[in-house]
Amino acid sequence: HGRGFGFPYGTSLEPANYDESLDVIRGTEALE
């Protein structure tokens, strides 16, 4: 677990579809 203070860099993150996202991460080394 790591902490980073809020940074005024802006963000490219957007709300994503759960099922489609699950298809992406399923089977990845990170999830395993």
Full PDB file with SEQRES, HELIX, SHEET, SSBOND, CRYST1, ORIGX, SCALE, CONECT and MASTER records, all heavy atoms in Angstrom:
SEQRES   1 A   32  HIS GLY ARG GLY PHE GLY PHE PRO TYR GLY THR SER LEU          
SEQRES   2 A   32  GLU PRO ALA ASN TYR ASP GLU SER LEU ASP VAL ILE ARG          
SEQRES   3 A   32  GLY THR GLU ALA LEU GLU                                      
HELIX    1 AA1 TYR A   18  ILE A   25  1                                   8    
CRYST1    1.000    1.000    1.000  90.00  90.00  90.00 P 1           1          
ORIGX1      1.000000  0.000000  0.000000        0.00000                         
ORIGX2      0.000000  1.000000  0.000000        0.00000                         
ORIGX3      0.000000  0.000000  1.000000        0.00000                         
SCALE1      1.000000  0.000000  0.000000        0.00000                         
SCALE2      0.000000  1.000000  0.000000        0.00000                         
SCALE3      0.000000  0.000000  1.000000        0.00000                         
ATOM      1  N   HIS A   1       0.850  -1.186   0.000  1.00  0.00           N  
ATOM      2  CA  HIS A   1       0.000   0.000   0.000  1.00  0.00           C  
ATOM      3  C   HIS A   1       0.888   1.240   0.000  1.00  0.00           C  
ATOM      4  O   HIS A   1       1.868   1.319   0.727  1.00  0.00           O  
ATOM      5  CB  HIS A   1      -0.972   0.007   1.185  1.00  0.00           C  
ATOM      6  CG  HIS A   1      -0.329   0.102   2.532  1.00  0.00           C  
ATOM      7  ND1 HIS A   1       0.105  -0.987   3.244  1.00  0.00           N  
ATOM      8  CD2 HIS A   1      -0.046   1.182   3.298  1.00  0.00           C  
ATOM      9  CE1 HIS A   1       0.623  -0.605   4.390  1.00  0.00           C  
ATOM     10  NE2 HIS A   1       0.540   0.711   4.451  1.00  0.00           N  
ATOM     11  N   GLY A   2       0.525   2.173  -0.861  1.00  0.00           N  
ATOM     12  CA  GLY A   2       1.319   3.389  -0.990  1.00  0.00           C  
ATOM     13  C   GLY A   2       0.433   4.620  -1.030  1.00  0.00           C  
ATOM     14  O   GLY A   2      -0.713   4.570  -1.502  1.00  0.00           O  
ATOM     15  N   ARG A   3       0.978   5.728  -0.537  1.00  0.00           N  
ATOM     16  CA  ARG A   3       0.230   6.993  -0.506  1.00  0.00           C  
ATOM     17  C   ARG A   3       0.952   8.047  -1.320  1.00  0.00           C  
ATOM     18  O   ARG A   3       2.168   8.200  -1.229  1.00  0.00           O  
ATOM     19  CB  ARG A   3       0.070   7.497   0.935  1.00  0.00           C  
ATOM     20  CG  ARG A   3      -0.832   6.648   1.801  1.00  0.00           C  
ATOM     21  CD  ARG A   3      -0.960   7.227   3.208  1.00  0.00           C  
ATOM     22  NE  ARG A   3      -1.901   6.451   4.012  1.00  0.00           N  
ATOM     23  CZ  ARG A   3      -1.580   5.373   4.709  1.00  0.00           C  
ATOM     24  NH1 ARG A   3      -0.321   4.945   4.705  1.00  0.00           N  
ATOM     25  NH2 ARG A   3      -2.484   4.725   5.412  1.00  0.00           N  
ATOM     26  N   GLY A   4       0.156   8.778  -2.094  1.00  0.00           N  
ATOM     27  CA  GLY A   4       0.674   9.927  -2.824  1.00  0.00           C  
ATOM     28  C   GLY A   4      -0.278  11.086  -2.649  1.00  0.00           C  
ATOM     29  O   GLY A   4      -1.492  10.925  -2.796  1.00  0.00           O  
ATOM     30  N   PHE A   5       0.241  12.262  -2.290  1.00  0.00           N  
ATOM     31  CA  PHE A   5      -0.655  13.388  -2.042  1.00  0.00           C  
ATOM     32  C   PHE A   5      -1.269  13.863  -3.355  1.00  0.00           C  
ATOM     33  O   PHE A   5      -0.693  13.726  -4.438  1.00  0.00           O  
ATOM     34  CB  PHE A   5       0.061  14.527  -1.326  1.00  0.00           C  
ATOM     35  CG  PHE A   5       1.151  15.186  -2.141  1.00  0.00           C  
ATOM     36  CD1 PHE A   5       0.864  16.233  -3.003  1.00  0.00           C  
ATOM     37  CD2 PHE A   5       2.473  14.777  -2.013  1.00  0.00           C  
ATOM     38  CE1 PHE A   5       1.860  16.848  -3.747  1.00  0.00           C  
ATOM     39  CE2 PHE A   5       3.475  15.382  -2.745  1.00  0.00           C  
ATOM     40  CZ  PHE A   5       3.172  16.409  -3.614  1.00  0.00           C  
ATOM     41  N   GLY A   6      -2.488  14.393  -3.238  1.00  0.00           N  
ATOM     42  CA  GLY A   6      -3.189  14.886  -4.413  1.00  0.00           C  
ATOM     43  C   GLY A   6      -2.344  15.896  -5.170  1.00  0.00           C  
ATOM     44  O   GLY A   6      -1.779  16.821  -4.574  1.00  0.00           O  
ATOM     45  N   PHE A   7      -2.241  15.733  -6.458  1.00  0.00           N  
ATOM     46  CA  PHE A   7      -1.298  16.504  -7.266  1.00  0.00           C  
ATOM     47  C   PHE A   7      -2.049  17.214  -8.382  1.00  0.00           C  
ATOM     48  O   PHE A   7      -2.839  16.580  -9.096  1.00  0.00           O  
ATOM     49  CB  PHE A   7      -0.255  15.540  -7.847  1.00  0.00           C  
ATOM     50  CG  PHE A   7       0.843  16.216  -8.614  1.00  0.00           C  
ATOM     51  CD1 PHE A   7       1.725  17.068  -7.976  1.00  0.00           C  
ATOM     52  CD2 PHE A   7       0.994  15.989  -9.973  1.00  0.00           C  
ATOM     53  CE1 PHE A   7       2.757  17.680  -8.692  1.00  0.00           C  
ATOM     54  CE2 PHE A   7       2.008  16.600 -10.691  1.00  0.00           C  
ATOM     55  CZ  PHE A   7       2.891  17.449 -10.041  1.00  0.00           C  
ATOM     56  N   PRO A   8      -1.829  18.530  -8.571  1.00  0.00           N  
ATOM     57  CA  PRO A   8      -2.583  19.294  -9.585  1.00  0.00           C  
ATOM     58  C   PRO A   8      -2.082  19.039 -10.994  1.00  0.00           C  
ATOM     59  O   PRO A   8      -1.791  19.957 -11.761  1.00  0.00           O  
ATOM     60  CB  PRO A   8      -2.343  20.746  -9.150  1.00  0.00           C  
ATOM     61  CG  PRO A   8      -1.002  20.717  -8.496  1.00  0.00           C  
ATOM     62  CD  PRO A   8      -0.940  19.403  -7.778  1.00  0.00           C  
ATOM     63  N   TYR A   9      -1.988  17.790 -11.339  1.00  0.00           N  
ATOM     64  CA  TYR A   9      -1.493  17.374 -12.650  1.00  0.00           C  
ATOM     65  C   TYR A   9      -2.637  17.199 -13.635  1.00  0.00           C  
ATOM     66  O   TYR A   9      -2.444  17.220 -14.834  1.00  0.00           O  
ATOM     67  CB  TYR A   9      -0.721  16.059 -12.455  1.00  0.00           C  
ATOM     68  CG  TYR A   9      -0.377  15.290 -13.701  1.00  0.00           C  
ATOM     69  CD1 TYR A   9       0.734  15.637 -14.472  1.00  0.00           C  
ATOM     70  CD2 TYR A   9      -1.153  14.208 -14.116  1.00  0.00           C  
ATOM     71  CE1 TYR A   9       1.055  14.928 -15.614  1.00  0.00           C  
ATOM     72  CE2 TYR A   9      -0.838  13.497 -15.257  1.00  0.00           C  
ATOM     73  CZ  TYR A   9       0.266  13.857 -16.002  1.00  0.00           C  
ATOM     74  OH  TYR A   9       0.582  13.145 -17.119  1.00  0.00           O  
ATOM     75  N   GLY A  10      -3.844  17.056 -13.078  1.00  0.00           N  
ATOM     76  CA  GLY A  10      -4.969  16.688 -13.910  1.00  0.00           C  
ATOM     77  C   GLY A  10      -5.037  15.171 -13.993  1.00  0.00           C  
ATOM     78  O   GLY A  10      -4.166  14.462 -13.471  1.00  0.00           O  
ATOM     79  N   THR A  11      -6.056  14.662 -14.636  1.00  0.00           N  
ATOM     80  CA  THR A  11      -6.207  13.211 -14.724  1.00  0.00           C  
ATOM     81  C   THR A  11      -6.878  12.823 -16.027  1.00  0.00           C  
ATOM     82  O   THR A  11      -7.756  13.531 -16.524  1.00  0.00           O  
ATOM     83  CB  THR A  11      -7.019  12.675 -13.543  1.00  0.00           C  
ATOM     84  OG1 THR A  11      -7.198  11.262 -13.683  1.00  0.00           O  
ATOM     85  CG2 THR A  11      -8.383  13.346 -13.456  1.00  0.00           C  
ATOM     86  N   SER A  12      -6.417  11.699 -16.566  1.00  0.00           N  
ATOM     87  CA  SER A  12      -7.031  11.137 -17.767  1.00  0.00           C  
ATOM     88  C   SER A  12      -7.945   9.969 -17.443  1.00  0.00           C  
ATOM     89  O   SER A  12      -8.473   9.313 -18.340  1.00  0.00           O  
ATOM     90  CB  SER A  12      -5.939  10.660 -18.748  1.00  0.00           C  
ATOM     91  OG  SER A  12      -5.098  11.729 -19.135  1.00  0.00           O  
ATOM     92  N   LEU A  13      -8.123   9.696 -16.148  1.00  0.00           N  
ATOM     93  CA  LEU A  13      -8.980   8.590 -15.747  1.00  0.00           C  
ATOM     94  C   LEU A  13     -10.441   8.955 -15.981  1.00  0.00           C  
ATOM     95  O   LEU A  13     -10.872  10.077 -15.722  1.00  0.00           O  
ATOM     96  CB  LEU A  13      -8.773   8.260 -14.264  1.00  0.00           C  
ATOM     97  CG  LEU A  13      -7.360   7.874 -13.835  1.00  0.00           C  
ATOM     98  CD1 LEU A  13      -7.349   7.481 -12.365  1.00  0.00           C  
ATOM     99  CD2 LEU A  13      -6.821   6.737 -14.691  1.00  0.00           C  
ATOM    100  N   GLU A  14     -11.206   7.975 -16.452  1.00  0.00           N  
ATOM    101  CA  GLU A  14     -12.624   8.187 -16.720  1.00  0.00           C  
ATOM    102  C   GLU A  14     -13.421   6.994 -16.217  1.00  0.00           C  
ATOM    103  O   GLU A  14     -12.896   5.876 -16.143  1.00  0.00           O  
ATOM    104  CB  GLU A  14     -12.861   8.366 -18.230  1.00  0.00           C  
ATOM    105  CG  GLU A  14     -12.214   9.610 -18.806  1.00  0.00           C  
ATOM    106  CD  GLU A  14     -12.527   9.770 -20.281  1.00  0.00           C  
ATOM    107  OE1 GLU A  14     -13.108   8.821 -20.866  1.00  0.00           O  
ATOM    108  OE2 GLU A  14     -12.197  10.828 -20.841  1.00  0.00           O  
ATOM    109  N   PRO A  15     -14.687   7.211 -15.857  1.00  0.00           N  
ATOM    110  CA  PRO A  15     -15.533   6.075 -15.477  1.00  0.00           C  
ATOM    111  C   PRO A  15     -15.556   5.035 -16.588  1.00  0.00           C  
ATOM    112  O   PRO A  15     -15.629   5.378 -17.770  1.00  0.00           O  
ATOM    113  CB  PRO A  15     -16.912   6.718 -15.273  1.00  0.00           C  
ATOM    114  CG  PRO A  15     -16.615   8.150 -14.956  1.00  0.00           C  
ATOM    115  CD  PRO A  15     -15.407   8.503 -15.768  1.00  0.00           C  
ATOM    116  N   ALA A  16     -15.462   3.775 -16.182  1.00  0.00           N  
ATOM    117  CA  ALA A  16     -15.381   2.702 -17.161  1.00  0.00           C  
ATOM    118  C   ALA A  16     -16.498   1.697 -16.932  1.00  0.00           C  
ATOM    119  O   ALA A  16     -17.069   1.602 -15.844  1.00  0.00           O  
ATOM    120  CB  ALA A  16     -14.018   2.009 -17.067  1.00  0.00           C  
ATOM    121  N   ASN A  17     -16.799   0.929 -17.973  1.00  0.00           N  
ATOM    122  CA  ASN A  17     -17.780  -0.133 -17.874  1.00  0.00           C  
ATOM    123  C   ASN A  17     -17.190  -1.281 -17.066  1.00  0.00           C  
ATOM    124  O   ASN A  17     -16.086  -1.744 -17.360  1.00  0.00           O  
ATOM    125  CB  ASN A  17     -18.177  -0.606 -19.272  1.00  0.00           C  
ATOM    126  CG  ASN A  17     -19.163  -1.754 -19.242  1.00  0.00           C  
ATOM    127  OD1 ASN A  17     -18.781  -2.915 -19.125  1.00  0.00           O  
ATOM    128  ND2 ASN A  17     -20.445  -1.428 -19.352  1.00  0.00           N  
ATOM    129  N   TYR A  18     -17.926  -1.743 -16.062  1.00  0.00           N  
ATOM    130  CA  TYR A  18     -17.377  -2.763 -15.156  1.00  0.00           C  
ATOM    131  C   TYR A  18     -17.097  -4.067 -15.898  1.00  0.00           C  
ATOM    132  O   TYR A  18     -16.007  -4.632 -15.784  1.00  0.00           O  
ATOM    133  CB  TYR A  18     -18.334  -3.015 -13.994  1.00  0.00           C  
ATOM    134  CG  TYR A  18     -17.760  -3.956 -12.953  1.00  0.00           C  
ATOM    135  CD1 TYR A  18     -17.001  -3.452 -11.901  1.00  0.00           C  
ATOM    136  CD2 TYR A  18     -17.956  -5.329 -13.035  1.00  0.00           C  
ATOM    137  CE1 TYR A  18     -16.453  -4.302 -10.954  1.00  0.00           C  
ATOM    138  CE2 TYR A  18     -17.411  -6.188 -12.092  1.00  0.00           C  
ATOM    139  CZ  TYR A  18     -16.659  -5.669 -11.052  1.00  0.00           C  
ATOM    140  OH  TYR A  18     -16.095  -6.510 -10.127  1.00  0.00           O  
ATOM    141  N   ASP A  19     -18.077  -4.565 -16.634  1.00  0.00           N  
ATOM    142  CA  ASP A  19     -17.912  -5.860 -17.289  1.00  0.00           C  
ATOM    143  C   ASP A  19     -16.779  -5.829 -18.307  1.00  0.00           C  
ATOM    144  O   ASP A  19     -15.978  -6.773 -18.397  1.00  0.00           O  
ATOM    145  CB  ASP A  19     -19.216  -6.293 -17.959  1.00  0.00           C  
ATOM    146  CG  ASP A  19     -20.323  -6.567 -16.947  1.00  0.00           C  
ATOM    147  OD1 ASP A  19     -19.988  -6.999 -15.823  1.00  0.00           O  
ATOM    148  OD2 ASP A  19     -21.493  -6.334 -17.264  1.00  0.00           O  
ATOM    149  N   GLU A  20     -16.695  -4.754 -19.079  1.00  0.00           N  
ATOM    150  CA  GLU A  20     -15.616  -4.647 -20.062  1.00  0.00           C  
ATOM    151  C   GLU A  20     -14.260  -4.550 -19.372  1.00  0.00           C  
ATOM    152  O   GLU A  20     -13.271  -5.131 -19.825  1.00  0.00           O  
ATOM    153  CB  GLU A  20     -15.852  -3.438 -20.958  1.00  0.00           C  
ATOM    154  CG  GLU A  20     -17.066  -3.568 -21.868  1.00  0.00           C  
ATOM    155  CD  GLU A  20     -17.332  -2.323 -22.684  1.00  0.00           C  
ATOM    156  OE1 GLU A  20     -16.566  -1.341 -22.530  1.00  0.00           O  
ATOM    157  OE2 GLU A  20     -18.296  -2.322 -23.475  1.00  0.00           O  
ATOM    158  N   SER A  21     -14.213  -3.815 -18.250  1.00  0.00           N  
ATOM    159  CA  SER A  21     -12.961  -3.684 -17.505  1.00  0.00           C  
ATOM    160  C   SER A  21     -12.545  -5.022 -16.904  1.00  0.00           C  
ATOM    161  O   SER A  21     -11.361  -5.369 -16.878  1.00  0.00           O  
ATOM    162  CB  SER A  21     -13.109  -2.643 -16.401  1.00  0.00           C  
ATOM    163  OG  SER A  21     -13.408  -1.374 -16.936  1.00  0.00           O  
ATOM    164  N   LEU A  22     -13.533  -5.774 -16.430  1.00  0.00           N  
ATOM    165  CA  LEU A  22     -13.237  -7.084 -15.866  1.00  0.00           C  
ATOM    166  C   LEU A  22     -12.648  -8.005 -16.932  1.00  0.00           C  
ATOM    167  O   LEU A  22     -11.731  -8.791 -16.653  1.00  0.00           O  
ATOM    168  CB  LEU A  22     -14.500  -7.697 -15.268  1.00  0.00           C  
ATOM    169  CG  LEU A  22     -14.304  -8.930 -14.386  1.00  0.00           C  
ATOM    170  CD1 LEU A  22     -13.445  -8.593 -13.174  1.00  0.00           C  
ATOM    171  CD2 LEU A  22     -15.648  -9.492 -13.934  1.00  0.00           C  
ATOM    172  N   ASP A  23     -13.145  -7.902 -18.144  1.00  0.00           N  
ATOM    173  CA  ASP A  23     -12.583  -8.697 -19.238  1.00  0.00           C  
ATOM    174  C   ASP A  23     -11.119  -8.344 -19.476  1.00  0.00           C  
ATOM    175  O   ASP A  23     -10.305  -9.208 -19.818  1.00  0.00           O  
ATOM    176  CB  ASP A  23     -13.382  -8.474 -20.528  1.00  0.00           C  
ATOM    177  CG  ASP A  23     -14.755  -9.147 -20.495  1.00  0.00           C  
ATOM    178  OD1 ASP A  23     -14.935 -10.062 -19.674  1.00  0.00           O  
ATOM    179  OD2 ASP A  23     -15.631  -8.743 -21.281  1.00  0.00           O  
ATOM    180  N   VAL A  24     -10.772  -7.077 -19.272  1.00  0.00           N  
ATOM    181  CA  VAL A  24      -9.395  -6.638 -19.491  1.00  0.00           C  
ATOM    182  C   VAL A  24      -8.463  -7.175 -18.419  1.00  0.00           C  
ATOM    183  O   VAL A  24      -7.364  -7.667 -18.708  1.00  0.00           O  
ATOM    184  CB  VAL A  24      -9.326  -5.093 -19.538  1.00  0.00           C  
ATOM    185  CG1 VAL A  24      -7.875  -4.617 -19.546  1.00  0.00           C  
ATOM    186  CG2 VAL A  24     -10.053  -4.568 -20.759  1.00  0.00           C  
ATOM    187  N   ILE A  25      -8.891  -7.089 -17.153  1.00  0.00           N  
ATOM    188  CA  ILE A  25      -7.975  -7.459 -16.061  1.00  0.00           C  
ATOM    189  C   ILE A  25      -7.994  -8.950 -15.754  1.00  0.00           C  
ATOM    190  O   ILE A  25      -7.054  -9.460 -15.137  1.00  0.00           O  
ATOM    191  CB  ILE A  25      -8.302  -6.670 -14.777  1.00  0.00           C  
ATOM    192  CG1 ILE A  25      -9.692  -7.023 -14.242  1.00  0.00           C  
ATOM    193  CG2 ILE A  25      -8.161  -5.178 -15.027  1.00  0.00           C  
ATOM    194  CD1 ILE A  25     -10.016  -6.338 -12.926  1.00  0.00           C  
ATOM    195  N   ARG A  26      -9.040  -9.645 -16.169  1.00  0.00           N  
ATOM    196  CA  ARG A  26      -9.112 -11.075 -15.878  1.00  0.00           C  
ATOM    197  C   ARG A  26      -7.959 -11.801 -16.579  1.00  0.00           C  
ATOM    198  O   ARG A  26      -7.731 -11.645 -17.766  1.00  0.00           O  
ATOM    199  CB  ARG A  26     -10.449 -11.648 -16.331  1.00  0.00           C  
ATOM    200  CG  ARG A  26     -10.660 -13.095 -15.900  1.00  0.00           C  
ATOM    201  CD  ARG A  26     -11.977 -13.649 -16.412  1.00  0.00           C  
ATOM    202  NE  ARG A  26     -13.113 -13.145 -15.638  1.00  0.00           N  
ATOM    203  CZ  ARG A  26     -14.096 -12.423 -16.135  1.00  0.00           C  
ATOM    204  NH1 ARG A  26     -14.054 -12.062 -17.408  1.00  0.00           N  
ATOM    205  NH2 ARG A  26     -15.106 -12.034 -15.378  1.00  0.00           N  
ATOM    206  N   GLY A  27      -7.218 -12.573 -15.831  1.00  0.00           N  
ATOM    207  CA  GLY A  27      -6.096 -13.315 -16.393  1.00  0.00           C  
ATOM    208  C   GLY A  27      -4.790 -12.551 -16.410  1.00  0.00           C  
ATOM    209  O   GLY A  27      -3.758 -13.092 -16.813  1.00  0.00           O  
ATOM    210  N   THR A  28      -4.800 -11.279 -15.968  1.00  0.00           N  
ATOM    211  CA  THR A  28      -3.550 -10.530 -15.917  1.00  0.00           C  
ATOM    212  C   THR A  28      -2.690 -11.001 -14.749  1.00  0.00           C  
ATOM    213  O   THR A  28      -3.191 -11.541 -13.760  1.00  0.00           O  
ATOM    214  CB  THR A  28      -3.810  -9.025 -15.757  1.00  0.00           C  
ATOM    215  OG1 THR A  28      -4.490  -8.796 -14.501  1.00  0.00           O  
ATOM    216  CG2 THR A  28      -4.665  -8.488 -16.899  1.00  0.00           C  
ATOM    217  N   GLU A  29      -1.388 -10.796 -14.872  1.00  0.00           N  
ATOM    218  CA  GLU A  29      -0.479 -11.159 -13.786  1.00  0.00           C  
ATOM    219  C   GLU A  29      -0.801 -10.380 -12.527  1.00  0.00           C  
ATOM    220  O   GLU A  29      -0.642 -10.890 -11.412  1.00  0.00           O  
ATOM    221  CB  GLU A  29       0.969 -10.910 -14.207  1.00  0.00           C  
ATOM    222  CG  GLU A  29       1.465 -11.864 -15.294  1.00  0.00           C  
ATOM    223  CD  GLU A  29       2.927 -11.643 -15.608  1.00  0.00           C  
ATOM    224  OE1 GLU A  29       3.573 -10.811 -14.927  1.00  0.00           O  
ATOM    225  OE2 GLU A  29       3.441 -12.299 -16.541  1.00  0.00           O  
ATOM    226  N   ALA A  30      -1.260  -9.129 -12.689  1.00  0.00           N  
ATOM    227  CA  ALA A  30      -1.566  -8.300 -11.522  1.00  0.00           C  
ATOM    228  C   ALA A  30      -2.692  -8.906 -10.702  1.00  0.00           C  
ATOM    229  O   ALA A  30      -2.612  -8.989  -9.473  1.00  0.00           O  
ATOM    230  CB  ALA A  30      -1.931  -6.889 -11.976  1.00  0.00           C  
ATOM    231  N   LEU A  31      -3.770  -9.334 -11.375  1.00  0.00           N  
ATOM    232  CA  LEU A  31      -4.903  -9.902 -10.643  1.00  0.00           C  
ATOM    233  C   LEU A  31      -4.540 -11.260 -10.050  1.00  0.00           C  
ATOM    234  O   LEU A  31      -4.947 -11.587  -8.930  1.00  0.00           O  
ATOM    235  CB  LEU A  31      -6.124 -10.028 -11.565  1.00  0.00           C  
ATOM    236  CG  LEU A  31      -7.446 -10.355 -10.863  1.00  0.00           C  
ATOM    237  CD1 LEU A  31      -7.820  -9.261  -9.869  1.00  0.00           C  
ATOM    238  CD2 LEU A  31      -8.565 -10.550 -11.883  1.00  0.00           C  
ATOM    239  N   GLU A  32      -3.768 -12.039 -10.784  1.00  0.00           N  
ATOM    240  CA  GLU A  32      -3.334 -13.333 -10.260  1.00  0.00           C  
ATOM    241  C   GLU A  32      -2.432 -13.158  -9.051  1.00  0.00           C  
ATOM    242  O   GLU A  32      -2.482 -13.944  -8.096  1.00  0.00           O  
ATOM    243  CB  GLU A  32      -2.624 -14.127 -11.355  1.00  0.00           C  
ATOM    244  CG  GLU A  32      -3.549 -14.595 -12.470  1.00  0.00           C  
ATOM    245  CD  GLU A  32      -2.812 -15.346 -13.557  1.00  0.00           C  
ATOM    246  OE1 GLU A  32      -1.574 -15.494 -13.430  1.00  0.00           O  
ATOM    247  OE2 GLU A  32      -3.467 -15.779 -14.527  1.00  0.00           O  
TER     248      GLU A  32                                                      
MASTER        0    0    0    1    0    0    0    6  247    1    0    3          
END                                                                             
